[in-house]
């Protein structure tokens, strides 16, 4: 298995196709979804929130779809999550809750969170319910519908800023902190 903590050289950079242009100004709906904390997470309850959206993490027993590294923006969920993990106190000091969000199922997310020591919630939208209500962009790989990588900054329950496309993913946490500072 490839080193999931490092980005391989030459992975294709995603292009801005405008798929997130409609998000700034939208209010987060009240949707309760399972989280790795063991509770359900309602996005509308967090007034100040940074939500990074990622396709899916790899790990033991999880096979990534064929040609994963050739899909622009697909590779990098582990480095991105670990960068947010390492910066989580900085987000807290700024008054922001932090969550990771994907269509990956809760049990795979919980294994990943435990293995990588991710203490903030990873939220599962396995049925793509919230993503459909917000119009989050997706792609198909290996028979799965997955979210394209984006990061939302929410203030007063409303999306203020969208980072999209996100590349390289391991630098996203620092990019968002620079915006918030």
C-alpha atoms as a PDB file:
ATOM      1  CA  UNK A   1       0.000   0.000   0.000  1.00  0.00           C
ATOM      2  CA  UNK A   2       1.233   3.507  -0.813  1.00  0.00           C
ATOM      3  CA  UNK A   3       2.188   5.928   1.954  1.00  0.00           C
ATOM      4  CA  UNK A   4      -1.122   7.649   2.623  1.00  0.00           C
ATOM      5  CA  UNK A   5       0.591  10.413   4.635  1.00  0.00           C
ATOM      6  CA  UNK A   6       2.487  11.757   1.631  1.00  0.00           C
ATOM      7  CA  UNK A   7       1.298  13.157  -1.656  1.00  0.00           C
ATOM      8  CA  UNK A   8       2.921  11.447  -4.631  1.00  0.00           C
ATOM      9  CA  UNK A   9       4.642  13.632  -7.180  1.00  0.00           C
ATOM     10  CA  UNK A  10       2.772  14.399 -10.351  1.00  0.00           C
ATOM     11  CA  UNK A  11      -0.801  13.971  -9.122  1.00  0.00           C
ATOM     12  CA  UNK A  12      -3.125  16.067 -11.256  1.00  0.00           C
ATOM     13  CA  UNK A  13      -4.288  19.406  -9.898  1.00  0.00           C
ATOM     14  CA  UNK A  14      -8.057  19.964  -9.944  1.00  0.00           C
ATOM     15  CA  UNK A  15      -9.362  22.960 -11.872  1.00  0.00           C
ATOM     16  CA  UNK A  16     -11.971  25.437 -10.674  1.00  0.00           C
ATOM     17  CA  UNK A  17     -15.072  24.473 -12.625  1.00  0.00           C
ATOM     18  CA  UNK A  18     -17.351  26.833 -10.685  1.00  0.00           C
ATOM     19  CA  UNK A  19     -19.136  23.950  -8.923  1.00  0.00           C
ATOM     20  CA  UNK A  20     -18.962  25.762  -5.554  1.00  0.00           C
ATOM     21  CA  UNK A  21     -19.687  29.308  -6.741  1.00  0.00           C
ATOM     22  CA  UNK A  22     -23.255  29.130  -5.391  1.00  0.00           C
ATOM     23  CA  UNK A  23     -22.244  28.249  -1.803  1.00  0.00           C
ATOM     24  CA  UNK A  24     -21.209  31.612  -0.253  1.00  0.00           C
ATOM     25  CA  UNK A  25     -24.245  33.116   1.457  1.00  0.00           C
ATOM     26  CA  UNK A  26     -26.080  29.807   1.928  1.00  0.00           C
ATOM     27  CA  UNK A  27     -27.248  28.965   5.428  1.00  0.00           C
ATOM     28  CA  UNK A  28     -26.404  25.477   6.705  1.00  0.00           C
ATOM     29  CA  UNK A  29     -29.553  23.388   7.021  1.00  0.00           C
ATOM     30  CA  UNK A  30     -30.477  21.548  10.185  1.00  0.00           C
ATOM     31  CA  UNK A  31     -29.303  18.039   9.322  1.00  0.00           C
ATOM     32  CA  UNK A  32     -28.246  15.481  11.911  1.00  0.00           C
ATOM     33  CA  UNK A  33     -25.540  13.110  10.675  1.00  0.00           C
ATOM     34  CA  UNK A  34     -23.442  10.405  12.382  1.00  0.00           C
ATOM     35  CA  UNK A  35     -20.015  11.492  13.615  1.00  0.00           C
ATOM     36  CA  UNK A  36     -16.923   9.722  14.881  1.00  0.00           C
ATOM     37  CA  UNK A  37     -17.618  11.142  18.348  1.00  0.00           C
ATOM     38  CA  UNK A  38     -20.387   8.524  18.635  1.00  0.00           C
ATOM     39  CA  UNK A  39     -23.073  11.181  18.524  1.00  0.00           C
ATOM     40  CA  UNK A  40     -25.030  12.762  15.729  1.00  0.00           C
ATOM     41  CA  UNK A  41     -23.767  16.132  14.563  1.00  0.00           C
ATOM     42  CA  UNK A  42     -26.164  18.886  13.499  1.00  0.00           C
ATOM     43  CA  UNK A  43     -24.275  21.342  11.307  1.00  0.00           C
ATOM     44  CA  UNK A  44     -26.752  24.128  11.985  1.00  0.00           C
ATOM     45  CA  UNK A  45     -25.794  24.167  15.680  1.00  0.00           C
ATOM     46  CA  UNK A  46     -22.242  25.420  15.041  1.00  0.00           C
ATOM     47  CA  UNK A  47     -22.212  29.179  14.644  1.00  0.00           C
ATOM     48  CA  UNK A  48     -18.517  29.405  13.688  1.00  0.00           C
ATOM     49  CA  UNK A  49     -17.365  26.365  11.755  1.00  0.00           C
ATOM     50  CA  UNK A  50     -14.656  25.178   9.389  1.00  0.00           C
ATOM     51  CA  UNK A  51     -15.838  22.128   7.468  1.00  0.00           C
ATOM     52  CA  UNK A  52     -13.388  20.433   5.157  1.00  0.00           C
ATOM     53  CA  UNK A  53     -15.020  18.120   2.642  1.00  0.00           C
ATOM     54  CA  UNK A  54     -12.963  15.197   1.333  1.00  0.00           C
ATOM     55  CA  UNK A  55     -13.608  12.160  -0.888  1.00  0.00           C
ATOM     56  CA  UNK A  56     -12.526   9.261   1.374  1.00  0.00           C
ATOM     57  CA  UNK A  57      -9.600   8.116   3.449  1.00  0.00           C
ATOM     58  CA  UNK A  58      -7.527   5.034   2.842  1.00  0.00           C
ATOM     59  CA  UNK A  59      -6.336   2.569   5.420  1.00  0.00           C
ATOM     60  CA  UNK A  60      -6.077  -1.087   6.347  1.00  0.00           C
ATOM     61  CA  UNK A  61      -8.657  -3.126   4.469  1.00  0.00           C
ATOM     62  CA  UNK A  62      -9.888  -0.122   2.470  1.00  0.00           C
ATOM     63  CA  UNK A  63      -9.151  -0.398  -1.219  1.00  0.00           C
ATOM     64  CA  UNK A  64      -9.087   2.874  -3.064  1.00  0.00           C
ATOM     65  CA  UNK A  65     -10.743   2.918  -6.481  1.00  0.00           C
ATOM     66  CA  UNK A  66      -8.644   2.047  -9.521  1.00  0.00           C
ATOM     67  CA  UNK A  67      -6.561   4.928 -10.888  1.00  0.00           C
ATOM     68  CA  UNK A  68      -7.227   6.968  -7.723  1.00  0.00           C
ATOM     69  CA  UNK A  69      -4.034   8.976  -8.183  1.00  0.00           C
ATOM     70  CA  UNK A  70      -5.113   9.984 -11.709  1.00  0.00           C
ATOM     71  CA  UNK A  71      -8.363  11.641 -10.566  1.00  0.00           C
ATOM     72  CA  UNK A  72      -7.724  15.381 -10.059  1.00  0.00           C
ATOM     73  CA  UNK A  73      -8.165  16.213  -6.376  1.00  0.00           C
ATOM     74  CA  UNK A  74      -8.874  12.671  -5.187  1.00  0.00           C
ATOM     75  CA  UNK A  75      -5.569  11.866  -3.471  1.00  0.00           C
ATOM     76  CA  UNK A  76      -4.637  13.546  -0.190  1.00  0.00           C
ATOM     77  CA  UNK A  77      -7.379  12.924   2.379  1.00  0.00           C
ATOM     78  CA  UNK A  78      -4.979  11.623   5.027  1.00  0.00           C
ATOM     79  CA  UNK A  79      -2.445  14.478   4.699  1.00  0.00           C
ATOM     80  CA  UNK A  80      -5.291  17.015   4.693  1.00  0.00           C
ATOM     81  CA  UNK A  81      -6.950  15.509   7.773  1.00  0.00           C
ATOM     82  CA  UNK A  82      -3.648  15.281   9.636  1.00  0.00           C
ATOM     83  CA  UNK A  83      -2.858  18.919   8.829  1.00  0.00           C
ATOM     84  CA  UNK A  84      -6.242  19.971  10.247  1.00  0.00           C
ATOM     85  CA  UNK A  85      -5.596  17.728  13.271  1.00  0.00           C
ATOM     86  CA  UNK A  86      -2.245  19.416  13.862  1.00  0.00           C
ATOM     87  CA  UNK A  87      -3.808  22.892  13.521  1.00  0.00           C
ATOM     88  CA  UNK A  88      -6.997  22.149  15.493  1.00  0.00           C
ATOM     89  CA  UNK A  89      -5.960  24.201  18.537  1.00  0.00           C
ATOM     90  CA  UNK A  90      -5.353  27.227  16.324  1.00  0.00           C
ATOM     91  CA  UNK A  91      -8.915  26.938  15.006  1.00  0.00           C
ATOM     92  CA  UNK A  92     -10.222  26.600  18.578  1.00  0.00           C
ATOM     93  CA  UNK A  93      -8.322  29.738  19.638  1.00  0.00           C
ATOM     94  CA  UNK A  94     -10.044  31.607  16.809  1.00  0.00           C
ATOM     95  CA  UNK A  95     -13.430  30.341  18.070  1.00  0.00           C
ATOM     96  CA  UNK A  96     -14.120  27.895  15.238  1.00  0.00           C
ATOM     97  CA  UNK A  97     -15.423  24.358  15.508  1.00  0.00           C
ATOM     98  CA  UNK A  98     -13.720  22.003  13.081  1.00  0.00           C
ATOM     99  CA  UNK A  99     -15.187  18.994  11.288  1.00  0.00           C
ATOM    100  CA  UNK A 100     -14.227  16.708   8.460  1.00  0.00           C
ATOM    101  CA  UNK A 101     -17.061  15.696   6.146  1.00  0.00           C
ATOM    102  CA  UNK A 102     -17.355  12.945   3.543  1.00  0.00           C
ATOM    103  CA  UNK A 103     -19.637  10.317   2.076  1.00  0.00           C
ATOM    104  CA  UNK A 104     -17.471   7.592   3.610  1.00  0.00           C
ATOM    105  CA  UNK A 105     -19.300   5.397   6.096  1.00  0.00           C
ATOM    106  CA  UNK A 106     -19.032   6.028   9.833  1.00  0.00           C
ATOM    107  CA  UNK A 107     -17.185   2.838  10.710  1.00  0.00           C
ATOM    108  CA  UNK A 108     -14.377   3.549   8.224  1.00  0.00           C
ATOM    109  CA  UNK A 109     -14.201   7.143   9.450  1.00  0.00           C
ATOM    110  CA  UNK A 110     -14.077   5.998  13.091  1.00  0.00           C
ATOM    111  CA  UNK A 111     -11.199   3.603  12.342  1.00  0.00           C
ATOM    112  CA  UNK A 112      -9.342   6.413  10.555  1.00  0.00           C
ATOM    113  CA  UNK A 113      -9.966   8.901  13.385  1.00  0.00           C
ATOM    114  CA  UNK A 114      -8.667   6.435  15.982  1.00  0.00           C
ATOM    115  CA  UNK A 115      -5.616   5.473  13.902  1.00  0.00           C
ATOM    116  CA  UNK A 116      -4.670   9.091  13.122  1.00  0.00           C
ATOM    117  CA  UNK A 117      -5.698  10.558  16.518  1.00  0.00           C
ATOM    118  CA  UNK A 118      -8.300  12.892  15.026  1.00  0.00           C
ATOM    119  CA  UNK A 119     -10.215  14.311  18.012  1.00  0.00           C
ATOM    120  CA  UNK A 120     -12.667  16.574  16.204  1.00  0.00           C
ATOM    121  CA  UNK A 121     -15.746  15.026  14.545  1.00  0.00           C
ATOM    122  CA  UNK A 122     -15.583  13.372  11.158  1.00  0.00           C
ATOM    123  CA  UNK A 123     -19.138  13.458   9.872  1.00  0.00           C
ATOM    124  CA  UNK A 124     -20.587  10.886   7.477  1.00  0.00           C
ATOM    125  CA  UNK A 125     -23.045  11.855   4.765  1.00  0.00           C
ATOM    126  CA  UNK A 126     -23.142   8.356   3.310  1.00  0.00           C
ATOM    127  CA  UNK A 127     -26.540   8.947   1.696  1.00  0.00           C
ATOM    128  CA  UNK A 128     -25.363  12.308   0.240  1.00  0.00           C
ATOM    129  CA  UNK A 129     -28.334  14.056   1.899  1.00  0.00           C
ATOM    130  CA  UNK A 130     -26.647  17.220   3.114  1.00  0.00           C
ATOM    131  CA  UNK A 131     -24.465  17.381   0.033  1.00  0.00           C
ATOM    132  CA  UNK A 132     -27.547  17.306  -2.186  1.00  0.00           C
ATOM    133  CA  UNK A 133     -29.266  20.067  -0.194  1.00  0.00           C
ATOM    134  CA  UNK A 134     -26.176  22.294  -0.493  1.00  0.00           C
ATOM    135  CA  UNK A 135     -25.283  21.223  -4.015  1.00  0.00           C
ATOM    136  CA  UNK A 136     -21.791  20.023  -3.092  1.00  0.00           C
ATOM    137  CA  UNK A 137     -19.875  18.752  -6.129  1.00  0.00           C
ATOM    138  CA  UNK A 138     -19.280  15.019  -6.465  1.00  0.00           C
ATOM    139  CA  UNK A 139     -17.459  12.582  -8.721  1.00  0.00           C
ATOM    140  CA  UNK A 140     -17.771   8.875  -9.461  1.00  0.00           C
ATOM    141  CA  UNK A 141     -14.969   6.393  -8.780  1.00  0.00           C
ATOM    142  CA  UNK A 142     -15.032   2.644  -8.264  1.00  0.00           C
ATOM    143  CA  UNK A 143     -18.837   2.579  -8.280  1.00  0.00           C
ATOM    144  CA  UNK A 144     -18.990   5.182  -5.485  1.00  0.00           C
ATOM    145  CA  UNK A 145     -20.273   8.739  -5.504  1.00  0.00           C
ATOM    146  CA  UNK A 146     -17.786  10.838  -3.547  1.00  0.00           C
ATOM    147  CA  UNK A 147     -17.491  14.501  -2.666  1.00  0.00           C
ATOM    148  CA  UNK A 148     -14.921  16.667  -4.365  1.00  0.00           C
ATOM    149  CA  UNK A 149     -12.571  18.366  -1.960  1.00  0.00           C
ATOM    150  CA  UNK A 150     -13.697  21.787  -0.684  1.00  0.00           C
ATOM    151  CA  UNK A 151     -13.462  23.673   2.592  1.00  0.00           C
ATOM    152  CA  UNK A 152     -16.264  25.864   3.937  1.00  0.00           C
ATOM    153  CA  UNK A 153     -15.863  28.677   6.446  1.00  0.00           C
ATOM    154  CA  UNK A 154     -19.157  29.285   8.253  1.00  0.00           C
ATOM    155  CA  UNK A 155     -19.943  32.317  10.403  1.00  0.00           C
ATOM    156  CA  UNK A 156     -23.301  32.817  12.060  1.00  0.00           C
ATOM    157  CA  UNK A 157     -24.578  29.612  10.404  1.00  0.00           C
ATOM    158  CA  UNK A 158     -23.918  30.991   6.901  1.00  0.00           C
ATOM    159  CA  UNK A 159     -21.202  29.950   4.457  1.00  0.00           C
ATOM    160  CA  UNK A 160     -18.840  32.911   4.229  1.00  0.00           C
ATOM    161  CA  UNK A 161     -15.924  31.518   2.218  1.00  0.00           C
ATOM    162  CA  UNK A 162     -15.302  28.440   0.106  1.00  0.00           C
ATOM    163  CA  UNK A 163     -11.871  27.079  -0.714  1.00  0.00           C
ATOM    164  CA  UNK A 164     -12.300  25.192  -3.992  1.00  0.00           C
ATOM    165  CA  UNK A 165     -10.559  23.520  -5.562  1.00  0.00           C
ATOM    166  CA  UNK A 166      -8.250  22.536  -2.725  1.00  0.00           C
ATOM    167  CA  UNK A 167      -4.691  21.815  -3.863  1.00  0.00           C
ATOM    168  CA  UNK A 168      -2.405  20.713  -2.467  1.00  0.00           C
ATOM    169  CA  UNK A 169      -4.625  19.259   0.252  1.00  0.00           C
ATOM    170  CA  UNK A 170      -1.878  19.091   2.880  1.00  0.00           C
ATOM    171  CA  UNK A 171      -1.626  22.917   2.797  1.00  0.00           C
ATOM    172  CA  UNK A 172      -5.361  23.593   3.139  1.00  0.00           C
ATOM    173  CA  UNK A 173      -5.431  23.992   6.939  1.00  0.00           C
ATOM    174  CA  UNK A 174      -2.712  26.655   6.780  1.00  0.00           C
ATOM    175  CA  UNK A 175      -4.514  28.422   3.919  1.00  0.00           C
ATOM    176  CA  UNK A 176      -7.753  28.560   5.941  1.00  0.00           C
ATOM    177  CA  UNK A 177      -5.943  29.774   9.085  1.00  0.00           C
ATOM    178  CA  UNK A 178      -4.299  32.546   7.055  1.00  0.00           C
ATOM    179  CA  UNK A 179      -7.752  33.611   5.836  1.00  0.00           C
ATOM    180  CA  UNK A 180      -9.177  33.625   9.383  1.00  0.00           C
ATOM    181  CA  UNK A 181      -6.238  35.470  10.977  1.00  0.00           C
END
